[in-house]
Amino acid sequence: MGGVDTHKDLHVAAVVDEHDRVLGSEFFPTTRHGYKTLVRWMRGFGALQRIGVESTGTYGSGLLRYLNQYVGVEVLEVTAPDRTDRRKRGKDDTLDAEDAAHAAFAGIRTVLPKIRDGVIEALRVLNVCRKTAVAARRVALQLIQTTIVCAPDVLREQLRHLTRMQLIGTLAS
C-alpha cells in the first residue's frame, strides 16, 4: 500500500507492507516523469494494491489522473488526519504521507476520489469562473461608489444620480 502527501511542486510518498509497517518514504516532483518515478519506486517494494492520496481535487489532481489512466491500482482520497494527533507530533510531510499509506491500508478516513473530467468538470469550472466574475464586479462597483462619496462636491453631484450602467459608461469614457 502507498500513501502520498501532495504539494504544489513536490509530492511525498510512503509505502507500508502487508503488516502496516512503514517500508520507506521519498520525495517526487509533480511532473509526469515524477509520477512515473513515484509508481516505480512504490512497486520496488512489491505488489502495489492501493494508494491513498491527499487533496485529489487540488494539488493531487494531476497524480490522480495519472494513476487512473496509466497505473491501474485502486486510488483512494485520504481525508485530513485527526487534529489532536496532528498537534501532538507537529507538521511533517513524511509523517503525513505515512498516515495516508496507513489510512489506505486500513480503509479508514478514505473516500473514492472524484475523477474531475468531462462535462461535469467543465460546468464546475464555468460556475467557478462566473461566481468569481460576479464577485469582482460587485467589488469594482463598491470601490466606485466609495470613491464617489469621497470625491469633490462638483464631481460628486455630476455622478451621484446616475444609474449603474450610466455611471460605468461615464467613467469608461
N, C-alpha and C. Protein backbone atom coordinates (compact mmCIF):
# COMPACT_ATOMS: atom_id res chain seq x y z
N MET A 1 0.84 -1.17 0.00
CA MET A 1 0.00 0.00 0.00
C MET A 1 0.89 1.24 0.00
N GLY A 2 0.39 2.26 -0.65
CA GLY A 2 1.14 3.50 -0.70
C GLY A 2 0.30 4.66 -0.21
N GLY A 3 0.97 5.73 0.12
CA GLY A 3 0.30 6.96 0.54
C GLY A 3 1.08 8.15 0.01
N VAL A 4 0.36 9.23 -0.34
CA VAL A 4 1.01 10.40 -0.90
C VAL A 4 0.46 11.66 -0.23
N ASP A 5 1.36 12.48 0.28
CA ASP A 5 1.04 13.82 0.77
C ASP A 5 1.37 14.77 -0.38
N THR A 6 0.37 15.45 -0.92
CA THR A 6 0.57 16.25 -2.13
C THR A 6 0.87 17.70 -1.83
N HIS A 7 1.69 18.30 -2.70
CA HIS A 7 2.05 19.71 -2.61
C HIS A 7 2.17 20.27 -4.02
N LYS A 8 2.42 21.56 -4.13
CA LYS A 8 2.47 22.21 -5.44
C LYS A 8 3.62 21.67 -6.30
N ASP A 9 4.82 21.60 -5.76
CA ASP A 9 6.00 21.24 -6.55
C ASP A 9 6.56 19.85 -6.25
N LEU A 10 6.32 19.33 -5.06
CA LEU A 10 6.83 18.02 -4.67
C LEU A 10 5.74 17.23 -3.95
N HIS A 11 5.64 15.94 -4.26
CA HIS A 11 4.78 15.04 -3.51
C HIS A 11 5.67 14.18 -2.64
N VAL A 12 5.18 13.85 -1.45
CA VAL A 12 5.90 12.96 -0.56
C VAL A 12 5.14 11.63 -0.54
N ALA A 13 5.83 10.54 -0.84
CA ALA A 13 5.20 9.23 -0.90
C ALA A 13 5.77 8.33 0.18
N ALA A 14 4.93 7.41 0.64
CA ALA A 14 5.36 6.41 1.62
C ALA A 14 4.73 5.07 1.25
N VAL A 15 5.38 4.00 1.66
CA VAL A 15 4.90 2.64 1.39
C VAL A 15 4.86 1.87 2.71
N VAL A 16 3.77 1.11 2.89
CA VAL A 16 3.67 0.21 4.04
C VAL A 16 3.50 -1.22 3.52
N ASP A 17 3.91 -2.19 4.34
CA ASP A 17 3.80 -3.59 3.92
C ASP A 17 2.46 -4.18 4.35
N GLU A 18 2.31 -5.51 4.18
CA GLU A 18 1.04 -6.17 4.50
C GLU A 18 0.74 -6.21 6.00
N HIS A 19 1.71 -5.79 6.82
CA HIS A 19 1.52 -5.70 8.27
C HIS A 19 1.41 -4.24 8.72
N ASP A 20 1.25 -3.33 7.76
CA ASP A 20 1.10 -1.89 8.01
C ASP A 20 2.36 -1.27 8.62
N ARG A 21 3.52 -1.84 8.30
CA ARG A 21 4.79 -1.27 8.75
C ARG A 21 5.36 -0.41 7.63
N VAL A 22 5.90 0.74 7.99
CA VAL A 22 6.46 1.66 7.00
C VAL A 22 7.75 1.07 6.43
N LEU A 23 7.80 1.00 5.10
CA LEU A 23 8.99 0.48 4.43
C LEU A 23 9.90 1.58 3.93
N GLY A 24 9.33 2.75 3.65
CA GLY A 24 10.15 3.85 3.17
C GLY A 24 9.31 5.05 2.78
N SER A 25 9.98 6.18 2.60
CA SER A 25 9.31 7.39 2.12
C SER A 25 10.30 8.15 1.24
N GLU A 26 9.75 8.93 0.31
CA GLU A 26 10.59 9.62 -0.68
C GLU A 26 9.83 10.81 -1.25
N PHE A 27 10.58 11.80 -1.77
CA PHE A 27 10.01 12.98 -2.40
C PHE A 27 10.08 12.83 -3.93
N PHE A 28 9.03 13.31 -4.63
CA PHE A 28 8.98 13.23 -6.08
C PHE A 28 8.42 14.53 -6.66
N PRO A 29 8.94 14.98 -7.80
CA PRO A 29 8.41 16.20 -8.43
C PRO A 29 7.00 15.97 -8.98
N THR A 30 6.24 17.04 -9.09
CA THR A 30 4.86 16.96 -9.57
C THR A 30 4.82 17.10 -11.08
N THR A 31 5.51 16.19 -11.75
CA THR A 31 5.55 16.14 -13.21
C THR A 31 5.17 14.73 -13.63
N ARG A 32 4.91 14.57 -14.90
CA ARG A 32 4.58 13.24 -15.43
C ARG A 32 5.72 12.25 -15.14
N HIS A 33 6.95 12.69 -15.35
CA HIS A 33 8.10 11.83 -15.05
C HIS A 33 8.17 11.54 -13.54
N GLY A 34 7.85 12.55 -12.72
CA GLY A 34 7.85 12.35 -11.27
C GLY A 34 6.81 11.33 -10.84
N TYR A 35 5.62 11.37 -11.47
CA TYR A 35 4.58 10.40 -11.16
C TYR A 35 5.03 8.98 -11.53
N LYS A 36 5.65 8.87 -12.71
CA LYS A 36 6.13 7.57 -13.18
C LYS A 36 7.19 7.02 -12.23
N THR A 37 8.11 7.90 -11.80
CA THR A 37 9.16 7.50 -10.87
C THR A 37 8.57 7.11 -9.52
N LEU A 38 7.57 7.83 -9.06
CA LEU A 38 6.90 7.54 -7.79
C LEU A 38 6.31 6.13 -7.83
N VAL A 39 5.58 5.80 -8.90
CA VAL A 39 4.96 4.48 -9.01
C VAL A 39 6.02 3.39 -9.09
N ARG A 40 7.08 3.62 -9.88
CA ARG A 40 8.17 2.64 -10.00
C ARG A 40 8.81 2.42 -8.63
N TRP A 41 9.02 3.50 -7.88
CA TRP A 41 9.62 3.39 -6.55
C TRP A 41 8.72 2.58 -5.62
N MET A 42 7.40 2.87 -5.65
CA MET A 42 6.47 2.12 -4.79
C MET A 42 6.45 0.65 -5.15
N ARG A 43 6.45 0.34 -6.45
CA ARG A 43 6.42 -1.05 -6.89
C ARG A 43 7.73 -1.78 -6.59
N GLY A 44 8.78 -1.03 -6.32
CA GLY A 44 10.05 -1.64 -5.94
C GLY A 44 9.97 -2.37 -4.60
N PHE A 45 8.94 -2.08 -3.80
CA PHE A 45 8.75 -2.75 -2.51
C PHE A 45 7.87 -3.98 -2.63
N GLY A 46 7.31 -4.22 -3.82
CA GLY A 46 6.43 -5.37 -4.03
C GLY A 46 5.16 -4.95 -4.75
N ALA A 47 4.18 -5.85 -4.74
CA ALA A 47 2.91 -5.59 -5.44
C ALA A 47 2.21 -4.37 -4.82
N LEU A 48 1.72 -3.52 -5.69
CA LEU A 48 1.04 -2.29 -5.26
C LEU A 48 -0.46 -2.49 -5.47
N GLN A 49 -1.21 -2.54 -4.37
CA GLN A 49 -2.64 -2.80 -4.47
C GLN A 49 -3.47 -1.53 -4.40
N ARG A 50 -3.06 -0.59 -3.55
CA ARG A 50 -3.89 0.58 -3.28
C ARG A 50 -2.99 1.75 -2.91
N ILE A 51 -3.41 2.96 -3.33
CA ILE A 51 -2.68 4.17 -2.98
C ILE A 51 -3.66 5.17 -2.39
N GLY A 52 -3.32 5.71 -1.23
CA GLY A 52 -4.10 6.78 -0.62
C GLY A 52 -3.44 8.11 -0.95
N VAL A 53 -4.23 9.04 -1.51
CA VAL A 53 -3.70 10.33 -1.95
C VAL A 53 -4.48 11.45 -1.27
N GLU A 54 -3.77 12.40 -0.69
CA GLU A 54 -4.42 13.58 -0.10
C GLU A 54 -4.69 14.61 -1.19
N SER A 55 -5.74 15.37 -1.03
CA SER A 55 -6.06 16.55 -1.86
C SER A 55 -6.16 16.22 -3.35
N THR A 56 -6.96 15.22 -3.70
CA THR A 56 -7.08 14.84 -5.11
C THR A 56 -7.81 15.88 -5.95
N GLY A 57 -8.46 16.84 -5.30
CA GLY A 57 -9.15 17.89 -6.05
C GLY A 57 -8.28 19.09 -6.33
N THR A 58 -7.11 19.16 -5.70
CA THR A 58 -6.23 20.32 -5.89
C THR A 58 -4.83 19.84 -6.27
N TYR A 59 -3.90 19.85 -5.33
CA TYR A 59 -2.52 19.50 -5.62
C TYR A 59 -2.35 18.06 -6.10
N GLY A 60 -3.25 17.18 -5.71
CA GLY A 60 -3.14 15.79 -6.11
C GLY A 60 -3.91 15.43 -7.37
N SER A 61 -4.52 16.41 -8.04
CA SER A 61 -5.36 16.09 -9.20
C SER A 61 -4.55 15.51 -10.37
N GLY A 62 -3.37 16.04 -10.62
CA GLY A 62 -2.53 15.52 -11.70
C GLY A 62 -2.09 14.08 -11.42
N LEU A 63 -1.70 13.82 -10.19
CA LEU A 63 -1.31 12.46 -9.81
C LEU A 63 -2.49 11.51 -9.93
N LEU A 64 -3.67 11.95 -9.49
CA LEU A 64 -4.87 11.11 -9.60
C LEU A 64 -5.15 10.74 -11.05
N ARG A 65 -5.09 11.72 -11.95
CA ARG A 65 -5.34 11.44 -13.37
C ARG A 65 -4.31 10.44 -13.90
N TYR A 66 -3.06 10.64 -13.54
CA TYR A 66 -2.00 9.73 -14.00
C TYR A 66 -2.26 8.31 -13.48
N LEU A 67 -2.54 8.17 -12.19
CA LEU A 67 -2.75 6.85 -11.60
C LEU A 67 -3.95 6.15 -12.23
N ASN A 68 -5.04 6.89 -12.44
CA ASN A 68 -6.23 6.29 -13.05
C ASN A 68 -6.00 5.89 -14.50
N GLN A 69 -5.22 6.68 -15.21
CA GLN A 69 -5.05 6.45 -16.65
C GLN A 69 -4.00 5.39 -16.95
N TYR A 70 -2.91 5.35 -16.19
CA TYR A 70 -1.77 4.52 -16.58
C TYR A 70 -1.40 3.40 -15.61
N VAL A 71 -1.82 3.48 -14.36
CA VAL A 71 -1.28 2.55 -13.37
C VAL A 71 -2.20 1.38 -13.08
N GLY A 72 -3.49 1.62 -12.99
CA GLY A 72 -4.42 0.53 -12.77
C GLY A 72 -4.44 -0.04 -11.37
N VAL A 73 -4.20 0.79 -10.37
CA VAL A 73 -4.36 0.35 -8.98
C VAL A 73 -5.50 1.16 -8.37
N GLU A 74 -6.05 0.65 -7.28
CA GLU A 74 -7.12 1.37 -6.60
C GLU A 74 -6.56 2.65 -5.97
N VAL A 75 -7.22 3.76 -6.21
CA VAL A 75 -6.79 5.05 -5.65
C VAL A 75 -7.90 5.55 -4.74
N LEU A 76 -7.54 5.90 -3.51
CA LEU A 76 -8.48 6.45 -2.54
C LEU A 76 -8.04 7.84 -2.14
N GLU A 77 -9.00 8.73 -1.95
CA GLU A 77 -8.67 10.04 -1.41
C GLU A 77 -8.66 9.92 0.11
N VAL A 78 -7.58 10.38 0.71
CA VAL A 78 -7.43 10.31 2.16
C VAL A 78 -7.80 11.66 2.73
N THR A 79 -8.71 11.65 3.69
CA THR A 79 -9.12 12.90 4.34
C THR A 79 -8.07 13.31 5.36
N ALA A 80 -8.24 14.48 5.90
CA ALA A 80 -7.25 15.04 6.83
C ALA A 80 -7.10 14.17 8.07
N PRO A 81 -5.87 14.07 8.60
CA PRO A 81 -5.65 13.27 9.81
C PRO A 81 -6.31 13.91 11.03
N ASP A 82 -6.44 13.15 12.08
CA ASP A 82 -7.02 13.61 13.33
C ASP A 82 -6.23 14.82 13.85
N ARG A 83 -6.94 15.89 14.16
CA ARG A 83 -6.25 17.14 14.56
C ARG A 83 -5.50 17.01 15.88
N THR A 84 -6.05 16.27 16.83
CA THR A 84 -5.35 16.13 18.11
C THR A 84 -4.04 15.38 17.92
N ASP A 85 -4.09 14.33 17.09
CA ASP A 85 -2.86 13.58 16.79
C ASP A 85 -1.87 14.48 16.06
N ARG A 86 -2.36 15.28 15.15
CA ARG A 86 -1.50 16.18 14.35
C ARG A 86 -0.82 17.22 15.25
N ARG A 87 -1.56 17.74 16.23
CA ARG A 87 -0.99 18.74 17.14
C ARG A 87 0.12 18.14 18.00
N LYS A 88 -0.03 16.89 18.36
CA LYS A 88 0.96 16.23 19.22
C LYS A 88 2.31 16.08 18.52
N ARG A 89 2.26 15.73 17.25
CA ARG A 89 3.51 15.42 16.54
C ARG A 89 4.00 16.54 15.66
N GLY A 90 3.15 17.53 15.36
CA GLY A 90 3.57 18.65 14.52
C GLY A 90 3.38 18.35 13.04
N LYS A 91 3.69 19.34 12.22
CA LYS A 91 3.53 19.23 10.77
C LYS A 91 4.78 18.59 10.18
N ASP A 92 4.59 17.47 9.52
CA ASP A 92 5.69 16.76 8.90
C ASP A 92 5.16 16.05 7.67
N ASP A 93 5.69 16.41 6.50
CA ASP A 93 5.18 15.85 5.24
C ASP A 93 5.40 14.35 5.15
N THR A 94 6.53 13.87 5.65
CA THR A 94 6.80 12.43 5.61
C THR A 94 5.80 11.68 6.47
N LEU A 95 5.51 12.20 7.66
CA LEU A 95 4.51 11.55 8.52
C LEU A 95 3.13 11.61 7.89
N ASP A 96 2.81 12.72 7.19
CA ASP A 96 1.52 12.82 6.50
C ASP A 96 1.40 11.77 5.40
N ALA A 97 2.48 11.53 4.66
CA ALA A 97 2.47 10.50 3.62
C ALA A 97 2.31 9.12 4.26
N GLU A 98 3.00 8.89 5.37
CA GLU A 98 2.87 7.61 6.06
C GLU A 98 1.45 7.42 6.58
N ASP A 99 0.84 8.50 7.11
CA ASP A 99 -0.55 8.43 7.56
C ASP A 99 -1.49 8.09 6.41
N ALA A 100 -1.22 8.67 5.23
CA ALA A 100 -2.05 8.36 4.05
C ALA A 100 -1.91 6.89 3.68
N ALA A 101 -0.71 6.35 3.78
CA ALA A 101 -0.50 4.93 3.49
C ALA A 101 -1.21 4.05 4.52
N HIS A 102 -1.12 4.42 5.79
CA HIS A 102 -1.82 3.67 6.85
C HIS A 102 -3.33 3.71 6.62
N ALA A 103 -3.84 4.88 6.26
CA ALA A 103 -5.28 5.03 6.02
C ALA A 103 -5.72 4.17 4.82
N ALA A 104 -4.92 4.16 3.77
CA ALA A 104 -5.25 3.33 2.60
C ALA A 104 -5.20 1.85 2.98
N PHE A 105 -4.23 1.47 3.79
CA PHE A 105 -4.11 0.08 4.23
C PHE A 105 -5.35 -0.35 5.01
N ALA A 106 -5.77 0.49 5.97
CA ALA A 106 -6.88 0.14 6.86
C ALA A 106 -8.24 0.49 6.26
N GLY A 107 -8.25 1.31 5.22
CA GLY A 107 -9.53 1.73 4.64
C GLY A 107 -10.28 2.71 5.51
N ILE A 108 -9.54 3.48 6.32
CA ILE A 108 -10.16 4.48 7.18
C ILE A 108 -9.85 5.87 6.65
N ARG A 109 -10.72 6.83 6.96
CA ARG A 109 -10.56 8.22 6.50
C ARG A 109 -10.33 8.29 4.99
N THR A 110 -10.99 7.41 4.25
CA THR A 110 -10.82 7.40 2.80
C THR A 110 -12.18 7.49 2.11
N VAL A 111 -12.17 8.09 0.93
CA VAL A 111 -13.35 8.15 0.07
C VAL A 111 -12.89 7.91 -1.36
N LEU A 112 -13.82 7.58 -2.23
CA LEU A 112 -13.48 7.46 -3.64
C LEU A 112 -13.30 8.86 -4.21
N PRO A 113 -12.18 9.13 -4.86
CA PRO A 113 -11.96 10.48 -5.39
C PRO A 113 -12.83 10.75 -6.61
N LYS A 114 -13.20 12.03 -6.77
CA LYS A 114 -13.92 12.43 -7.97
C LYS A 114 -12.93 12.47 -9.12
N ILE A 115 -13.37 12.03 -10.29
CA ILE A 115 -12.48 11.94 -11.44
C ILE A 115 -12.14 13.33 -11.98
N ARG A 116 -13.06 14.27 -11.93
CA ARG A 116 -12.84 15.66 -12.34
C ARG A 116 -12.46 15.82 -13.80
N ASP A 117 -13.24 15.18 -14.66
CA ASP A 117 -13.08 15.42 -16.08
C ASP A 117 -14.44 15.32 -16.74
N GLY A 118 -14.53 15.62 -18.01
CA GLY A 118 -15.78 15.52 -18.73
C GLY A 118 -16.67 16.73 -18.55
N VAL A 119 -17.94 16.55 -18.87
CA VAL A 119 -18.91 17.65 -18.90
C VAL A 119 -19.13 18.24 -17.51
N ILE A 120 -19.23 17.40 -16.51
CA ILE A 120 -19.50 17.90 -15.15
C ILE A 120 -18.36 18.79 -14.67
N GLU A 121 -17.13 18.39 -14.93
CA GLU A 121 -15.99 19.22 -14.53
C GLU A 121 -15.98 20.53 -15.30
N ALA A 122 -16.31 20.49 -16.59
CA ALA A 122 -16.36 21.72 -17.39
C ALA A 122 -17.41 22.67 -16.83
N LEU A 123 -18.57 22.15 -16.45
CA LEU A 123 -19.62 23.00 -15.86
C LEU A 123 -19.18 23.56 -14.51
N ARG A 124 -18.46 22.76 -13.73
CA ARG A 124 -17.97 23.25 -12.43
C ARG A 124 -17.01 24.41 -12.62
N VAL A 125 -16.11 24.28 -13.60
CA VAL A 125 -15.14 25.34 -13.88
C VAL A 125 -15.86 26.61 -14.34
N LEU A 126 -16.84 26.45 -15.23
CA LEU A 126 -17.61 27.61 -15.68
C LEU A 126 -18.34 28.28 -14.53
N ASN A 127 -18.90 27.48 -13.64
CA ASN A 127 -19.62 28.03 -12.49
C ASN A 127 -18.67 28.80 -11.57
N VAL A 128 -17.49 28.27 -11.34
CA VAL A 128 -16.50 28.96 -10.51
C VAL A 128 -16.08 30.28 -11.17
N CYS A 129 -15.86 30.26 -12.48
CA CYS A 129 -15.48 31.48 -13.21
C CYS A 129 -16.59 32.52 -13.11
N ARG A 130 -17.84 32.10 -13.26
CA ARG A 130 -18.95 33.03 -13.19
C ARG A 130 -19.05 33.65 -11.80
N LYS A 131 -18.96 32.82 -10.76
CA LYS A 131 -19.02 33.34 -9.39
C LYS A 131 -17.90 34.34 -9.13
N THR A 132 -16.72 34.05 -9.63
CA THR A 132 -15.58 34.96 -9.46
C THR A 132 -15.82 36.28 -10.19
N ALA A 133 -16.36 36.21 -11.40
CA ALA A 133 -16.64 37.42 -12.18
C ALA A 133 -17.70 38.28 -11.49
N VAL A 134 -18.75 37.64 -10.97
CA VAL A 134 -19.81 38.38 -10.28
C VAL A 134 -19.25 39.05 -9.03
N ALA A 135 -18.42 38.35 -8.29
CA ALA A 135 -17.82 38.93 -7.08
C ALA A 135 -16.89 40.09 -7.44
N ALA A 136 -16.12 39.96 -8.51
CA ALA A 136 -15.21 41.03 -8.94
C ALA A 136 -16.01 42.26 -9.38
N ARG A 137 -17.13 42.03 -10.07
CA ARG A 137 -17.99 43.14 -10.50
C ARG A 137 -18.54 43.88 -9.28
N ARG A 138 -19.00 43.13 -8.28
CA ARG A 138 -19.54 43.73 -7.07
C ARG A 138 -18.48 44.57 -6.35
N VAL A 139 -17.28 44.04 -6.24
CA VAL A 139 -16.20 44.77 -5.57
C VAL A 139 -15.86 46.04 -6.35
N ALA A 140 -15.81 45.95 -7.67
CA ALA A 140 -15.49 47.13 -8.50
C ALA A 140 -16.55 48.21 -8.32
N LEU A 141 -17.82 47.81 -8.30
CA LEU A 141 -18.89 48.80 -8.11
C LEU A 141 -18.83 49.42 -6.71
N GLN A 142 -18.50 48.63 -5.72
CA GLN A 142 -18.36 49.17 -4.36
C GLN A 142 -17.22 50.18 -4.29
N LEU A 143 -16.11 49.88 -4.96
CA LEU A 143 -14.98 50.82 -4.98
C LEU A 143 -15.36 52.12 -5.68
N ILE A 144 -16.11 52.00 -6.77
CA ILE A 144 -16.55 53.20 -7.49
C ILE A 144 -17.44 54.05 -6.59
N GLN A 145 -18.41 53.41 -5.92
CA GLN A 145 -19.32 54.16 -5.04
C GLN A 145 -18.56 54.82 -3.88
N THR A 146 -17.62 54.11 -3.31
CA THR A 146 -16.81 54.68 -2.23
C THR A 146 -15.99 55.87 -2.71
N THR A 147 -15.44 55.76 -3.91
CA THR A 147 -14.65 56.85 -4.47
C THR A 147 -15.53 58.07 -4.74
N ILE A 148 -16.75 57.84 -5.21
CA ILE A 148 -17.66 58.96 -5.49
C ILE A 148 -18.04 59.67 -4.19
N VAL A 149 -18.25 58.92 -3.12
CA VAL A 149 -18.59 59.53 -1.83
C VAL A 149 -17.49 60.47 -1.37
N CYS A 150 -16.24 60.12 -1.67
CA CYS A 150 -15.09 60.92 -1.22
C CYS A 150 -14.68 61.98 -2.24
N ALA A 151 -15.33 62.02 -3.39
CA ALA A 151 -14.93 62.95 -4.46
C ALA A 151 -15.30 64.38 -4.10
N PRO A 152 -14.67 65.34 -4.76
CA PRO A 152 -15.06 66.75 -4.56
C PRO A 152 -16.54 66.96 -4.91
N ASP A 153 -17.17 67.96 -4.27
CA ASP A 153 -18.61 68.19 -4.42
C ASP A 153 -19.06 68.30 -5.87
N VAL A 154 -18.32 69.02 -6.69
CA VAL A 154 -18.72 69.24 -8.08
C VAL A 154 -18.80 67.91 -8.83
N LEU A 155 -17.79 67.09 -8.67
CA LEU A 155 -17.75 65.79 -9.34
C LEU A 155 -18.81 64.85 -8.76
N ARG A 156 -18.93 64.87 -7.45
CA ARG A 156 -19.90 64.00 -6.79
C ARG A 156 -21.32 64.30 -7.26
N GLU A 157 -21.67 65.56 -7.41
CA GLU A 157 -23.01 65.94 -7.87
C GLU A 157 -23.28 65.47 -9.30
N GLN A 158 -22.25 65.46 -10.13
CA GLN A 158 -22.42 65.01 -11.52
C GLN A 158 -22.68 63.49 -11.59
N LEU A 159 -22.10 62.75 -10.67
CA LEU A 159 -22.16 61.29 -10.74
C LEU A 159 -23.20 60.65 -9.82
N ARG A 160 -23.64 61.38 -8.82
CA ARG A 160 -24.48 60.83 -7.76
C ARG A 160 -25.78 60.19 -8.25
N HIS A 161 -26.44 60.79 -9.22
CA HIS A 161 -27.79 60.34 -9.62
C HIS A 161 -27.79 59.45 -10.86
N LEU A 162 -26.64 59.04 -11.33
CA LEU A 162 -26.57 58.16 -12.50
C LEU A 162 -26.90 56.72 -12.11
N THR A 163 -27.51 55.98 -13.03
CA THR A 163 -27.71 54.54 -12.81
C THR A 163 -26.35 53.85 -12.90
N ARG A 164 -26.30 52.59 -12.52
CA ARG A 164 -25.03 51.86 -12.60
C ARG A 164 -24.47 51.85 -14.01
N MET A 165 -25.32 51.52 -14.97
CA MET A 165 -24.86 51.44 -16.36
C MET A 165 -24.41 52.82 -16.87
N GLN A 166 -25.15 53.87 -16.52
CA GLN A 166 -24.75 55.23 -16.93
C GLN A 166 -23.41 55.60 -16.27
N LEU A 167 -23.27 55.24 -15.01
CA LEU A 167 -22.05 55.53 -14.26
C LEU A 167 -20.86 54.81 -14.89
N ILE A 168 -21.03 53.53 -15.23
CA ILE A 168 -19.94 52.77 -15.84
C ILE A 168 -19.58 53.36 -17.20
N GLY A 169 -20.59 53.73 -17.99
CA GLY A 169 -20.33 54.34 -19.30
C GLY A 169 -19.62 55.67 -19.18
N THR A 170 -20.03 56.47 -18.20
CA THR A 170 -19.40 57.78 -17.99
C THR A 170 -17.95 57.62 -17.56
N LEU A 171 -17.72 56.72 -16.60
CA LEU A 171 -16.36 56.51 -16.11
C LEU A 171 -15.47 55.88 -17.17
N ALA A 172 -16.04 55.02 -17.99
CA ALA A 172 -15.25 54.37 -19.06
C ALA A 172 -14.82 55.37 -20.12
N SER A 173 -15.66 56.36 -20.37
CA SER A 173 -15.30 57.36 -21.40
C SER A 173 -14.41 58.41 -20.80
